[in-house]
Amino acid sequence: MTYEHDHQKISNSADVARIVRAILCAADYVEQKQEHFFVIGLNGANRIEFINLVSLGLVDQALVHPREVFRMAIHEACSAIIISHNHPSGQHEPSREDTEVTRRLKAAGDVLGISVLDHLIVTDSAHYSFAEQGLL
């Protein structure tokens, strides 16, 4: 599922967290208590080209495959992506699986020439940025 955007410029992780929270709230996804994994495709000026929900998961995990994550980014000729998912539990710290998925997607992006700029974990009141923690 792709979401509307107005080619907003992304300057920091707070911009992404605000956008993801707005999508989750507007669509009542928060009430579903499921993980939602989003890909935000960016052009060379860090303006949003697309926002796509690539996986709808369970309470504590979402299946994510590089093929699905990069499909639209390749089609739209994006230079970079930001990935983000929510934690319905309210805990914004990454799990071991979150860290492994980030590593896998970063490696896939390196092969494709599409930078993975960040992976954000978003909750109602906080977010965790892998880039800000020096993990990307």
N, C-alpha and C. Protein backbone atom coordinates (compact mmCIF):
# COMPACT_ATOMS: atom_id res chain seq x y z
N MET A 1 0.84 -1.16 0.00
CA MET A 1 0.00 0.00 0.00
C MET A 1 0.90 1.24 0.00
N THR A 2 0.64 2.15 -0.90
CA THR A 2 1.42 3.36 -1.01
C THR A 2 0.62 4.53 -0.44
N TYR A 3 1.32 5.45 0.21
CA TYR A 3 0.67 6.58 0.87
C TYR A 3 1.00 7.88 0.18
N GLU A 4 0.07 8.81 0.28
CA GLU A 4 0.25 10.14 -0.30
C GLU A 4 1.37 10.88 0.43
N HIS A 5 2.03 11.72 -0.30
CA HIS A 5 3.08 12.58 0.25
C HIS A 5 3.17 13.80 -0.64
N ASP A 6 3.87 14.78 -0.20
CA ASP A 6 3.99 15.99 -1.01
C ASP A 6 5.46 16.33 -1.28
N HIS A 7 6.23 15.30 -1.53
CA HIS A 7 7.66 15.45 -1.81
C HIS A 7 8.38 16.22 -0.71
N GLN A 8 7.95 15.97 0.53
CA GLN A 8 8.58 16.61 1.68
C GLN A 8 10.07 16.29 1.71
N LYS A 9 10.84 17.24 2.19
CA LYS A 9 12.27 17.01 2.38
C LYS A 9 12.47 16.41 3.77
N ILE A 10 13.27 15.38 3.83
CA ILE A 10 13.61 14.73 5.09
C ILE A 10 14.94 15.29 5.57
N SER A 11 14.93 15.88 6.75
CA SER A 11 16.14 16.47 7.31
C SER A 11 16.72 15.67 8.47
N ASN A 12 15.85 14.93 9.18
CA ASN A 12 16.33 14.20 10.35
C ASN A 12 15.34 13.08 10.70
N SER A 13 15.70 12.30 11.69
CA SER A 13 14.86 11.16 12.08
C SER A 13 13.51 11.60 12.64
N ALA A 14 13.47 12.75 13.27
CA ALA A 14 12.20 13.24 13.82
C ALA A 14 11.19 13.49 12.71
N ASP A 15 11.65 13.94 11.54
CA ASP A 15 10.75 14.13 10.38
C ASP A 15 10.10 12.80 10.00
N VAL A 16 10.90 11.75 9.93
CA VAL A 16 10.39 10.43 9.55
C VAL A 16 9.44 9.90 10.61
N ALA A 17 9.82 10.01 11.87
CA ALA A 17 8.96 9.52 12.96
C ALA A 17 7.61 10.21 12.93
N ARG A 18 7.60 11.51 12.68
CA ARG A 18 6.34 12.27 12.61
C ARG A 18 5.46 11.76 11.47
N ILE A 19 6.05 11.51 10.33
CA ILE A 19 5.31 11.03 9.16
C ILE A 19 4.74 9.63 9.42
N VAL A 20 5.57 8.74 9.95
CA VAL A 20 5.12 7.36 10.21
C VAL A 20 4.01 7.35 11.26
N ARG A 21 4.17 8.14 12.32
CA ARG A 21 3.11 8.22 13.33
C ARG A 21 1.81 8.73 12.73
N ALA A 22 1.90 9.72 11.86
CA ALA A 22 0.69 10.28 11.22
C ALA A 22 0.00 9.22 10.37
N ILE A 23 0.76 8.43 9.64
CA ILE A 23 0.17 7.36 8.82
C ILE A 23 -0.50 6.33 9.72
N LEU A 24 0.20 5.91 10.75
CA LEU A 24 -0.35 4.90 11.66
C LEU A 24 -1.63 5.39 12.34
N CYS A 25 -1.64 6.63 12.76
CA CYS A 25 -2.82 7.18 13.44
C CYS A 25 -3.98 7.41 12.48
N ALA A 26 -3.69 7.94 11.31
CA ALA A 26 -4.73 8.26 10.34
C ALA A 26 -5.47 7.01 9.88
N ALA A 27 -4.76 5.91 9.80
CA ALA A 27 -5.37 4.67 9.30
C ALA A 27 -5.78 3.74 10.44
N ASP A 28 -5.75 4.23 11.66
CA ASP A 28 -6.10 3.41 12.83
C ASP A 28 -5.24 2.16 12.96
N TYR A 29 -4.03 2.20 12.42
CA TYR A 29 -3.13 1.06 12.55
C TYR A 29 -2.69 0.86 13.99
N VAL A 30 -2.66 1.93 14.76
CA VAL A 30 -2.23 1.83 16.15
C VAL A 30 -3.13 0.86 16.91
N GLU A 31 -4.41 0.86 16.60
CA GLU A 31 -5.35 -0.02 17.29
C GLU A 31 -5.18 -1.49 16.89
N GLN A 32 -4.53 -1.75 15.76
CA GLN A 32 -4.37 -3.13 15.30
C GLN A 32 -3.31 -3.90 16.07
N LYS A 33 -2.45 -3.21 16.76
CA LYS A 33 -1.40 -3.85 17.56
C LYS A 33 -0.55 -4.82 16.74
N GLN A 34 -0.21 -4.39 15.54
CA GLN A 34 0.65 -5.17 14.66
C GLN A 34 1.83 -4.31 14.23
N GLU A 35 2.94 -4.97 13.92
CA GLU A 35 4.06 -4.23 13.35
C GLU A 35 3.76 -3.92 11.89
N HIS A 36 4.10 -2.70 11.49
CA HIS A 36 3.96 -2.23 10.11
C HIS A 36 5.34 -1.78 9.66
N PHE A 37 5.80 -2.33 8.54
CA PHE A 37 7.14 -2.03 8.05
C PHE A 37 7.02 -1.17 6.79
N PHE A 38 7.53 0.05 6.86
CA PHE A 38 7.43 1.02 5.78
C PHE A 38 8.78 1.25 5.11
N VAL A 39 8.72 1.57 3.83
CA VAL A 39 9.89 2.03 3.08
C VAL A 39 9.55 3.42 2.55
N ILE A 40 10.47 4.34 2.76
CA ILE A 40 10.32 5.70 2.25
C ILE A 40 11.42 5.90 1.23
N GLY A 41 11.02 6.09 -0.02
CA GLY A 41 11.98 6.29 -1.10
C GLY A 41 12.30 7.77 -1.25
N LEU A 42 13.58 8.07 -1.41
CA LEU A 42 14.04 9.45 -1.50
C LEU A 42 14.80 9.70 -2.80
N ASN A 43 14.66 10.92 -3.30
CA ASN A 43 15.47 11.31 -4.45
C ASN A 43 16.81 11.87 -3.96
N GLY A 44 17.62 12.37 -4.86
CA GLY A 44 18.94 12.88 -4.51
C GLY A 44 18.92 14.09 -3.59
N ALA A 45 17.79 14.78 -3.51
CA ALA A 45 17.66 15.94 -2.62
C ALA A 45 16.99 15.58 -1.30
N ASN A 46 16.88 14.29 -1.02
CA ASN A 46 16.22 13.77 0.19
C ASN A 46 14.75 14.18 0.27
N ARG A 47 14.11 14.28 -0.89
CA ARG A 47 12.67 14.53 -0.93
C ARG A 47 11.97 13.20 -1.16
N ILE A 48 10.83 13.04 -0.51
CA ILE A 48 10.10 11.78 -0.58
C ILE A 48 9.53 11.55 -1.97
N GLU A 49 9.83 10.39 -2.53
CA GLU A 49 9.25 9.95 -3.80
C GLU A 49 8.06 9.02 -3.57
N PHE A 50 8.14 8.22 -2.50
CA PHE A 50 7.03 7.33 -2.16
C PHE A 50 7.15 6.90 -0.70
N ILE A 51 6.04 6.49 -0.15
CA ILE A 51 5.98 5.83 1.16
C ILE A 51 5.16 4.57 0.93
N ASN A 52 5.75 3.42 1.23
CA ASN A 52 5.10 2.16 0.92
C ASN A 52 5.11 1.23 2.14
N LEU A 53 3.97 0.65 2.45
CA LEU A 53 3.88 -0.38 3.47
C LEU A 53 4.25 -1.70 2.80
N VAL A 54 5.37 -2.29 3.20
CA VAL A 54 5.83 -3.51 2.54
C VAL A 54 5.55 -4.76 3.35
N SER A 55 5.23 -4.60 4.63
CA SER A 55 4.94 -5.79 5.44
C SER A 55 4.03 -5.41 6.60
N LEU A 56 3.02 -6.22 6.79
CA LEU A 56 2.13 -6.11 7.93
C LEU A 56 2.35 -7.37 8.74
N GLY A 57 2.81 -7.18 9.96
CA GLY A 57 3.24 -8.33 10.73
C GLY A 57 2.35 -8.68 11.90
N LEU A 58 3.00 -9.26 12.89
CA LEU A 58 2.34 -9.69 14.11
C LEU A 58 2.57 -8.63 15.19
N VAL A 59 2.25 -8.97 16.40
CA VAL A 59 2.46 -8.05 17.52
C VAL A 59 3.94 -7.74 17.70
N ASP A 60 4.79 -8.72 17.46
CA ASP A 60 6.21 -8.53 17.78
C ASP A 60 7.17 -8.78 16.61
N GLN A 61 6.66 -8.90 15.40
CA GLN A 61 7.56 -9.06 14.26
C GLN A 61 6.82 -8.86 12.94
N ALA A 62 7.59 -8.50 11.93
CA ALA A 62 7.08 -8.40 10.57
C ALA A 62 8.12 -9.05 9.66
N LEU A 63 7.67 -9.89 8.74
CA LEU A 63 8.59 -10.51 7.79
C LEU A 63 9.00 -9.48 6.76
N VAL A 64 10.30 -9.39 6.54
CA VAL A 64 10.83 -8.38 5.63
C VAL A 64 11.84 -9.05 4.71
N HIS A 65 11.68 -8.85 3.42
CA HIS A 65 12.60 -9.42 2.44
C HIS A 65 13.16 -8.28 1.59
N PRO A 66 14.47 -8.29 1.31
CA PRO A 66 15.06 -7.22 0.50
C PRO A 66 14.35 -6.99 -0.83
N ARG A 67 13.89 -8.04 -1.46
CA ARG A 67 13.19 -7.90 -2.75
C ARG A 67 12.00 -6.96 -2.62
N GLU A 68 11.21 -7.11 -1.56
CA GLU A 68 10.03 -6.27 -1.35
C GLU A 68 10.42 -4.86 -0.94
N VAL A 69 11.46 -4.75 -0.14
CA VAL A 69 11.90 -3.44 0.34
C VAL A 69 12.41 -2.57 -0.80
N PHE A 70 13.16 -3.15 -1.72
CA PHE A 70 13.80 -2.35 -2.77
C PHE A 70 13.01 -2.29 -4.08
N ARG A 71 11.95 -3.06 -4.20
CA ARG A 71 11.19 -3.13 -5.46
C ARG A 71 10.79 -1.75 -5.97
N MET A 72 10.09 -0.99 -5.15
CA MET A 72 9.60 0.31 -5.60
C MET A 72 10.73 1.34 -5.73
N ALA A 73 11.74 1.22 -4.88
CA ALA A 73 12.89 2.12 -4.96
C ALA A 73 13.61 1.97 -6.30
N ILE A 74 13.72 0.74 -6.77
CA ILE A 74 14.33 0.49 -8.08
C ILE A 74 13.43 1.06 -9.17
N HIS A 75 12.16 0.77 -9.10
CA HIS A 75 11.20 1.24 -10.11
C HIS A 75 11.17 2.77 -10.19
N GLU A 76 11.26 3.44 -9.06
CA GLU A 76 11.18 4.90 -9.02
C GLU A 76 12.55 5.57 -9.13
N ALA A 77 13.61 4.78 -9.34
CA ALA A 77 14.98 5.28 -9.48
C ALA A 77 15.40 6.14 -8.29
N CYS A 78 15.08 5.68 -7.11
CA CYS A 78 15.46 6.41 -5.89
C CYS A 78 16.94 6.24 -5.61
N SER A 79 17.53 7.26 -5.02
CA SER A 79 18.94 7.17 -4.66
C SER A 79 19.14 6.65 -3.24
N ALA A 80 18.07 6.70 -2.44
CA ALA A 80 18.18 6.26 -1.06
C ALA A 80 16.80 5.86 -0.53
N ILE A 81 16.83 5.10 0.56
CA ILE A 81 15.59 4.77 1.26
C ILE A 81 15.81 4.95 2.76
N ILE A 82 14.71 5.12 3.45
CA ILE A 82 14.68 5.04 4.90
C ILE A 82 13.63 3.98 5.22
N ILE A 83 13.98 3.07 6.10
CA ILE A 83 13.03 2.05 6.51
C ILE A 83 12.56 2.36 7.92
N SER A 84 11.34 1.97 8.21
CA SER A 84 10.78 2.26 9.52
C SER A 84 9.71 1.25 9.86
N HIS A 85 9.63 0.91 11.12
CA HIS A 85 8.53 0.08 11.59
C HIS A 85 8.15 0.50 13.00
N ASN A 86 6.94 0.14 13.36
CA ASN A 86 6.46 0.47 14.69
C ASN A 86 6.66 -0.71 15.63
N HIS A 87 6.70 -0.42 16.91
CA HIS A 87 6.69 -1.43 17.95
C HIS A 87 5.42 -1.21 18.77
N PRO A 88 4.40 -2.02 18.54
CA PRO A 88 3.14 -1.87 19.29
C PRO A 88 3.31 -1.99 20.81
N SER A 89 4.40 -2.64 21.23
CA SER A 89 4.65 -2.81 22.67
C SER A 89 4.96 -1.49 23.36
N GLY A 90 5.35 -0.48 22.57
CA GLY A 90 5.75 0.80 23.16
C GLY A 90 7.23 0.89 23.47
N GLN A 91 7.96 -0.22 23.34
CA GLN A 91 9.41 -0.23 23.57
C GLN A 91 10.12 0.15 22.27
N HIS A 92 10.89 1.22 22.30
CA HIS A 92 11.52 1.67 21.06
C HIS A 92 12.92 1.11 20.83
N GLU A 93 13.47 0.38 21.76
CA GLU A 93 14.79 -0.22 21.58
C GLU A 93 14.70 -1.37 20.57
N PRO A 94 15.72 -1.52 19.71
CA PRO A 94 15.68 -2.58 18.70
C PRO A 94 15.91 -3.96 19.29
N SER A 95 15.27 -4.93 18.67
CA SER A 95 15.51 -6.33 19.02
C SER A 95 16.72 -6.84 18.22
N ARG A 96 17.17 -8.02 18.55
CA ARG A 96 18.25 -8.66 17.78
C ARG A 96 17.82 -8.81 16.32
N GLU A 97 16.55 -9.18 16.10
CA GLU A 97 16.03 -9.33 14.74
C GLU A 97 16.02 -8.00 13.99
N ASP A 98 15.68 -6.92 14.69
CA ASP A 98 15.69 -5.59 14.06
C ASP A 98 17.09 -5.24 13.58
N THR A 99 18.08 -5.53 14.41
CA THR A 99 19.47 -5.24 14.05
C THR A 99 19.91 -6.08 12.87
N GLU A 100 19.52 -7.35 12.85
CA GLU A 100 19.89 -8.24 11.74
C GLU A 100 19.23 -7.82 10.43
N VAL A 101 17.96 -7.45 10.47
CA VAL A 101 17.26 -6.99 9.27
C VAL A 101 17.94 -5.72 8.74
N THR A 102 18.31 -4.84 9.63
CA THR A 102 18.99 -3.61 9.22
C THR A 102 20.29 -3.93 8.50
N ARG A 103 21.08 -4.84 9.06
CA ARG A 103 22.34 -5.24 8.43
C ARG A 103 22.11 -5.83 7.04
N ARG A 104 21.12 -6.73 6.95
CA ARG A 104 20.82 -7.37 5.65
C ARG A 104 20.39 -6.36 4.61
N LEU A 105 19.50 -5.44 5.00
CA LEU A 105 19.00 -4.45 4.04
C LEU A 105 20.08 -3.46 3.64
N LYS A 106 20.94 -3.09 4.56
CA LYS A 106 22.06 -2.19 4.24
C LYS A 106 22.96 -2.86 3.21
N ALA A 107 23.27 -4.15 3.42
CA ALA A 107 24.13 -4.88 2.48
C ALA A 107 23.47 -4.98 1.10
N ALA A 108 22.17 -5.26 1.07
CA ALA A 108 21.45 -5.33 -0.21
C ALA A 108 21.46 -3.97 -0.91
N GLY A 109 21.24 -2.92 -0.16
CA GLY A 109 21.27 -1.58 -0.74
C GLY A 109 22.63 -1.24 -1.31
N ASP A 110 23.68 -1.64 -0.61
CA ASP A 110 25.04 -1.41 -1.12
C ASP A 110 25.24 -2.08 -2.47
N VAL A 111 24.75 -3.30 -2.63
CA VAL A 111 24.86 -4.01 -3.90
C VAL A 111 24.07 -3.30 -4.99
N LEU A 112 22.88 -2.81 -4.64
CA LEU A 112 22.00 -2.15 -5.63
C LEU A 112 22.37 -0.70 -5.92
N GLY A 113 23.19 -0.11 -5.08
CA GLY A 113 23.52 1.30 -5.25
C GLY A 113 22.42 2.22 -4.72
N ILE A 114 21.64 1.72 -3.77
CA ILE A 114 20.59 2.51 -3.12
C ILE A 114 20.93 2.56 -1.64
N SER A 115 21.26 3.73 -1.15
CA SER A 115 21.68 3.88 0.25
C SER A 115 20.51 3.68 1.19
N VAL A 116 20.77 2.96 2.26
CA VAL A 116 19.81 2.86 3.37
C VAL A 116 20.28 3.90 4.39
N LEU A 117 19.59 5.03 4.43
CA LEU A 117 20.03 6.14 5.26
C LEU A 117 19.73 5.93 6.74
N ASP A 118 18.63 5.25 7.03
CA ASP A 118 18.26 5.04 8.43
C ASP A 118 17.22 3.94 8.54
N HIS A 119 17.12 3.40 9.73
CA HIS A 119 16.04 2.49 10.10
C HIS A 119 15.50 3.04 11.41
N LEU A 120 14.24 3.43 11.39
CA LEU A 120 13.61 3.99 12.59
C LEU A 120 12.61 3.01 13.17
N ILE A 121 12.65 2.88 14.48
CA ILE A 121 11.63 2.16 15.21
C ILE A 121 10.79 3.24 15.89
N VAL A 122 9.49 3.19 15.64
CA VAL A 122 8.60 4.25 16.10
C VAL A 122 7.59 3.68 17.09
N THR A 123 7.39 4.41 18.18
CA THR A 123 6.31 4.11 19.12
C THR A 123 5.44 5.36 19.23
N ASP A 124 4.41 5.30 20.06
CA ASP A 124 3.54 6.47 20.23
C ASP A 124 4.29 7.69 20.71
N SER A 125 5.30 7.50 21.52
CA SER A 125 5.94 8.65 22.17
C SER A 125 7.44 8.78 21.95
N ALA A 126 8.06 7.84 21.25
CA ALA A 126 9.51 7.89 21.07
C ALA A 126 9.89 7.22 19.76
N HIS A 127 11.15 7.39 19.39
CA HIS A 127 11.66 6.65 18.24
C HIS A 127 13.14 6.33 18.47
N TYR A 128 13.61 5.33 17.76
CA TYR A 128 15.01 4.90 17.80
C TYR A 128 15.53 4.98 16.38
N SER A 129 16.66 5.65 16.21
CA SER A 129 17.28 5.79 14.90
C SER A 129 18.61 5.03 14.88
N PHE A 130 18.70 4.04 13.99
CA PHE A 130 19.96 3.31 13.85
C PHE A 130 21.07 4.25 13.39
N ALA A 131 20.77 5.20 12.52
CA ALA A 131 21.79 6.14 12.03
C ALA A 131 22.29 7.02 13.16
N GLU A 132 21.39 7.53 13.98
CA GLU A 132 21.81 8.41 15.08
C GLU A 132 22.62 7.66 16.12
N GLN A 133 22.43 6.36 16.20
CA GLN A 133 23.21 5.54 17.13
C GLN A 133 24.53 5.05 16.51
N GLY A 134 24.79 5.47 15.26
CA GLY A 134 26.04 5.08 14.58
C GLY A 134 26.04 3.65 14.08
N LEU A 135 24.85 3.08 13.90
CA LEU A 135 24.74 1.68 13.48
C LEU A 135 24.43 1.52 12.00
N LEU A 136 24.46 2.60 11.25
CA LEU A 136 24.29 2.56 9.79
C LEU A 136 25.36 3.38 9.14
